Amino acid sequence: AAFSPDGRHVVSASGDRTAKLWALPEPDSADVILPLDGPARDVAFSPDGQRLASGSIDATVRMWDATSGRKLWDFSGHKSGSSNLEISAIAFSPDGKTIVTSDETGTVQILDAESGNVKSKLEFGVPIWDVNVSPNGKTITAARDDGLVTLISLQTGKESFSLRTFGRLLVSSFSQNGEWIAAGSSAGNVTLWNLSNGKIVPSSTHKGEVLAISFSPDSRFLVT
């Protein structure tokens, strides 16, 4: 699920082959229901709140008008032959001009948000479970099944470097000031890196998988 930038709506990804848009503060019933061809895996609002991106297990990324629910385009470039590859994550760039998508086989695609055309494509050979774009819009993080967080240039689509931790990485996040990257793994580890020097800062562990991770707006706190 994701909140709209103005906090007036929330969109949910559902297993019933829909994404639903709810009005706040009293979401008694969905205002807009977006039909999909498979259970939804991830959803994201554009920074201006005018569009919604959805990714589902039928290997399709769709862009929607957030007000009317009209489909603007769809992208099925995560298919492999006759096989559908589950979309694992979607993220908008801060300027709303680009979206980044990933799938269960390790493909990361950088798409033009207006048309759905591919700008860059990377193959890692291991599942990518989360992608994020830095607040300055320059860097993508890809949280990998082999315990690496790979940094990618949004402009060139080239790998920069990777940071290693323990366990399968399931989630990652940039701090709002752009100084930190945090990642959570299937082994329950939370790892925090200082981007100025690449050093790991001691962090916490959980008894189970780390399924969500987020910095506070002032970058002082991390919730996992």
Protein backbone atom coordinates (compact mmCIF):
# COMPACT_ATOMS: atom_id res chain seq x y z
CA ALA A 1 0.00 0.00 0.00
CA ALA A 2 1.06 3.62 -0.51
CA PHE A 3 -0.18 7.04 0.59
CA SER A 4 -0.65 9.84 -1.94
CA PRO A 5 1.80 12.74 -1.53
CA ASP A 6 -0.97 14.99 -0.16
CA GLY A 7 -2.08 12.33 2.36
CA ARG A 8 -5.68 12.37 1.11
CA HIS A 9 -5.71 8.91 -0.52
CA VAL A 10 -4.18 5.48 -0.11
CA VAL A 11 -3.81 2.80 -2.76
CA SER A 12 -3.75 -0.88 -1.86
CA ALA A 13 -2.33 -3.84 -3.78
CA SER A 14 -4.74 -6.77 -3.56
CA GLY A 15 -4.62 -10.48 -4.20
CA ASP A 16 -8.00 -10.30 -5.96
CA ARG A 17 -6.41 -8.95 -9.16
CA THR A 18 -7.14 -5.31 -8.36
CA ALA A 19 -5.50 -2.23 -6.95
CA LYS A 20 -7.89 -0.04 -4.97
CA LEU A 21 -7.81 3.70 -4.34
CA TRP A 22 -9.34 4.84 -1.04
CA ALA A 23 -10.21 8.37 0.13
CA LEU A 24 -9.13 9.37 3.62
CA PRO A 25 -9.85 9.83 6.50
CA GLU A 26 -12.85 7.44 6.28
CA PRO A 27 -12.25 4.85 3.55
CA ASP A 28 -15.59 3.03 3.79
CA SER A 29 -15.37 1.75 0.22
CA ALA A 30 -12.86 2.07 -2.61
CA ASP A 31 -13.35 5.17 -4.77
CA VAL A 32 -11.55 3.66 -7.75
CA ILE A 33 -10.89 -0.02 -8.52
CA LEU A 34 -8.13 -0.75 -11.02
CA PRO A 35 -8.52 -4.13 -12.79
CA LEU A 36 -5.40 -6.26 -13.21
CA ASP A 37 -4.68 -9.60 -14.87
CA GLY A 38 -3.00 -11.02 -11.77
CA PRO A 39 -2.65 -10.37 -8.04
CA ALA A 40 -0.98 -7.00 -7.40
CA ARG A 41 2.56 -7.10 -5.99
CA ASP A 42 3.40 -3.40 -5.59
CA VAL A 43 1.88 0.05 -6.13
CA ALA A 44 3.33 3.57 -6.11
CA PHE A 45 2.07 7.14 -6.50
CA SER A 46 3.89 9.60 -8.72
CA PRO A 47 5.41 12.50 -6.73
CA ASP A 48 2.66 14.87 -7.92
CA GLY A 49 -0.06 12.36 -6.98
CA GLN A 50 -1.59 12.44 -10.47
CA ARG A 51 -0.59 8.92 -11.54
CA LEU A 52 -0.37 5.43 -10.07
CA ALA A 53 1.95 2.62 -11.10
CA SER A 54 1.07 -1.00 -10.36
CA GLY A 55 3.03 -4.21 -10.75
CA SER A 56 1.53 -7.68 -10.59
CA ILE A 57 2.52 -11.31 -10.78
CA ASP A 58 1.47 -11.46 -14.43
CA ALA A 59 4.74 -9.63 -15.21
CA THR A 60 2.97 -6.41 -16.21
CA VAL A 61 3.57 -2.84 -15.06
CA ARG A 62 0.63 -0.48 -15.59
CA MET A 63 0.33 3.29 -15.31
CA TRP A 64 -3.02 4.80 -14.28
CA ASP A 65 -4.62 8.21 -13.96
CA ALA A 66 -5.07 8.49 -10.18
CA THR A 67 -8.27 10.53 -10.46
CA SER A 68 -10.27 8.69 -13.11
CA GLY A 69 -8.68 5.24 -12.92
CA ARG A 70 -8.03 5.33 -16.68
CA LYS A 71 -5.13 3.14 -17.81
CA LEU A 72 -2.44 5.24 -19.49
CA TRP A 73 -0.14 2.43 -20.63
CA ASP A 74 1.08 -1.02 -19.76
CA PHE A 75 4.48 -2.65 -20.03
CA SER A 76 4.99 -6.41 -20.30
CA GLY A 77 8.77 -6.42 -20.72
CA HIS A 78 9.25 -8.60 -17.65
CA LYS A 79 7.96 -11.66 -19.49
CA SER A 80 10.39 -14.42 -20.47
CA GLY A 81 9.10 -16.46 -23.39
CA SER A 82 5.78 -17.89 -22.29
CA SER A 83 6.59 -17.37 -18.60
CA ASN A 84 5.33 -14.49 -16.48
CA LEU A 85 7.88 -13.07 -14.04
CA GLU A 86 6.51 -11.62 -10.85
CA ILE A 87 7.06 -7.87 -10.49
CA SER A 88 8.72 -7.45 -7.11
CA ALA A 89 8.95 -3.65 -6.74
CA ILE A 90 8.22 -0.29 -8.38
CA ALA A 91 9.67 3.14 -7.58
CA PHE A 92 9.27 6.61 -9.10
CA SER A 93 12.12 9.07 -9.48
CA PRO A 94 11.60 12.27 -7.44
CA ASP A 95 10.79 14.29 -10.57
CA GLY A 96 8.17 11.73 -11.66
CA LYS A 97 9.73 11.31 -15.11
CA THR A 98 11.10 7.79 -14.57
CA ILE A 99 10.00 4.60 -12.87
CA VAL A 100 12.20 1.67 -11.86
CA THR A 101 10.87 -1.89 -11.78
CA SER A 102 12.31 -5.25 -10.72
CA ASP A 103 11.30 -8.89 -10.93
CA GLU A 104 11.92 -12.27 -9.34
CA THR A 105 14.61 -13.31 -11.83
CA GLY A 106 16.84 -10.30 -11.21
CA THR A 107 15.88 -7.90 -13.99
CA VAL A 108 15.83 -4.18 -13.23
CA GLN A 109 14.25 -1.93 -15.85
CA ILE A 110 14.31 1.86 -16.02
CA LEU A 111 11.22 3.16 -17.85
CA ASP A 112 10.03 6.52 -19.12
CA ALA A 113 7.03 7.28 -16.89
CA GLU A 114 5.18 9.13 -19.64
CA SER A 115 5.32 6.42 -22.30
CA GLY A 116 6.49 3.20 -20.62
CA ASN A 117 9.42 2.96 -23.02
CA VAL A 118 12.58 1.27 -21.72
CA LYS A 119 15.55 3.53 -20.99
CA SER A 120 17.85 0.87 -19.52
CA LYS A 121 17.74 -2.80 -18.56
CA LEU A 122 20.04 -4.70 -16.19
CA GLU A 123 20.23 -8.45 -15.52
CA PHE A 124 21.62 -9.64 -12.18
CA GLY A 125 20.80 -13.36 -12.31
CA VAL A 126 19.40 -13.38 -8.76
CA PRO A 127 15.99 -12.16 -7.57
CA ILE A 128 15.66 -8.45 -6.85
CA TRP A 129 13.11 -7.91 -4.07
CA ASP A 130 13.15 -4.13 -3.71
CA VAL A 131 14.23 -1.02 -5.63
CA ASN A 132 14.42 2.61 -4.49
CA VAL A 133 15.52 5.93 -5.97
CA SER A 134 17.63 8.38 -3.98
CA PRO A 135 16.11 11.75 -2.97
CA ASN A 136 18.39 13.57 -5.42
CA GLY A 137 17.20 11.31 -8.26
CA LYS A 138 20.67 10.12 -9.21
CA THR A 139 20.95 6.61 -7.73
CA ILE A 140 18.90 3.42 -7.60
CA THR A 141 19.30 0.74 -4.96
CA ALA A 142 18.51 -2.88 -5.82
CA ALA A 143 18.09 -5.24 -2.85
CA ARG A 144 19.32 -8.64 -4.03
CA ASP A 145 18.65 -12.22 -2.98
CA ASP A 146 22.40 -12.87 -2.65
CA GLY A 147 22.86 -10.33 0.17
CA LEU A 148 24.05 -7.38 -1.92
CA VAL A 149 22.64 -3.89 -2.30
CA THR A 150 23.70 -2.72 -5.74
CA LEU A 151 23.81 0.99 -6.56
CA ILE A 152 22.88 1.96 -10.12
CA SER A 153 23.06 5.30 -11.91
CA LEU A 154 19.55 6.39 -12.87
CA GLN A 155 20.89 8.45 -15.78
CA THR A 156 23.19 5.87 -17.38
CA GLY A 157 21.70 2.61 -16.11
CA LYS A 158 25.19 1.43 -15.12
CA GLU A 159 26.15 -0.30 -11.88
CA SER A 160 28.21 1.83 -9.51
CA PHE A 161 29.14 -0.52 -6.67
CA SER A 162 27.60 -3.02 -4.24
CA LEU A 163 27.34 -3.25 -0.47
CA ARG A 164 27.24 -6.64 1.24
CA THR A 165 25.32 -7.91 4.25
CA PHE A 166 23.98 -11.27 5.48
CA GLY A 167 20.94 -13.17 4.25
CA ARG A 168 18.59 -12.52 1.35
CA LEU A 169 17.90 -8.79 1.14
CA LEU A 170 14.17 -8.11 1.06
CA VAL A 171 13.88 -4.33 1.56
CA SER A 172 16.02 -1.21 1.31
CA SER A 173 15.64 2.53 1.82
CA PHE A 174 17.47 5.84 1.37
CA SER A 175 17.46 8.44 4.10
CA GLN A 176 15.87 11.74 3.05
CA ASN A 177 19.18 13.58 3.37
CA GLY A 178 20.78 11.05 1.01
CA GLU A 179 23.55 10.16 3.45
CA TRP A 180 22.43 6.66 4.45
CA ILE A 181 21.18 3.40 2.96
CA ALA A 182 19.44 0.82 5.12
CA ALA A 183 18.56 -2.74 4.18
CA GLY A 184 16.74 -5.61 5.87
CA SER A 185 17.27 -9.31 5.24
CA SER A 186 15.57 -12.68 5.56
CA ALA A 187 18.03 -13.49 8.36
CA GLY A 188 16.60 -10.64 10.45
CA ASN A 189 19.57 -8.32 10.00
CA VAL A 190 19.22 -4.56 9.57
CA THR A 191 22.30 -3.02 7.98
CA LEU A 192 23.01 0.71 7.77
CA TRP A 193 25.67 2.19 5.47
CA ASN A 194 27.17 5.68 5.49
CA LEU A 195 27.40 6.63 1.81
CA SER A 196 30.20 9.14 2.35
CA ASN A 197 32.65 6.40 3.31
CA GLY A 198 30.80 3.11 2.67
CA LYS A 199 31.24 2.01 6.28
CA ILE A 200 28.66 -0.12 8.09
CA VAL A 201 27.11 1.33 11.23
CA PRO A 202 26.13 -1.18 13.96
CA SER A 203 22.42 -1.87 13.74
CA SER A 204 19.70 -4.16 15.06
CA THR A 205 18.53 -7.70 14.41
CA HIS A 206 15.08 -9.25 14.36
CA LYS A 207 14.02 -12.80 15.16
CA GLY A 208 12.29 -13.09 11.79
CA GLU A 209 12.49 -11.66 8.29
CA VAL A 210 12.71 -7.88 7.91
CA LEU A 211 9.72 -7.02 5.71
CA ALA A 212 9.65 -3.21 5.89
CA ILE A 213 12.13 -0.41 6.52
CA SER A 214 11.74 3.37 6.52
CA PHE A 215 13.59 6.51 7.59
CA SER A 216 11.87 9.42 9.32
CA PRO A 217 11.57 12.61 7.20
CA ASP A 218 14.42 14.26 9.14
CA SER A 219 16.67 11.17 8.63
CA ARG A 220 17.25 10.84 12.38
CA PHE A 221 15.30 7.62 12.93
CA LEU A 222 14.91 4.28 11.18
CA VAL A 223 11.88 2.04 11.66
CA THR A 224 12.03 -1.68 10.77
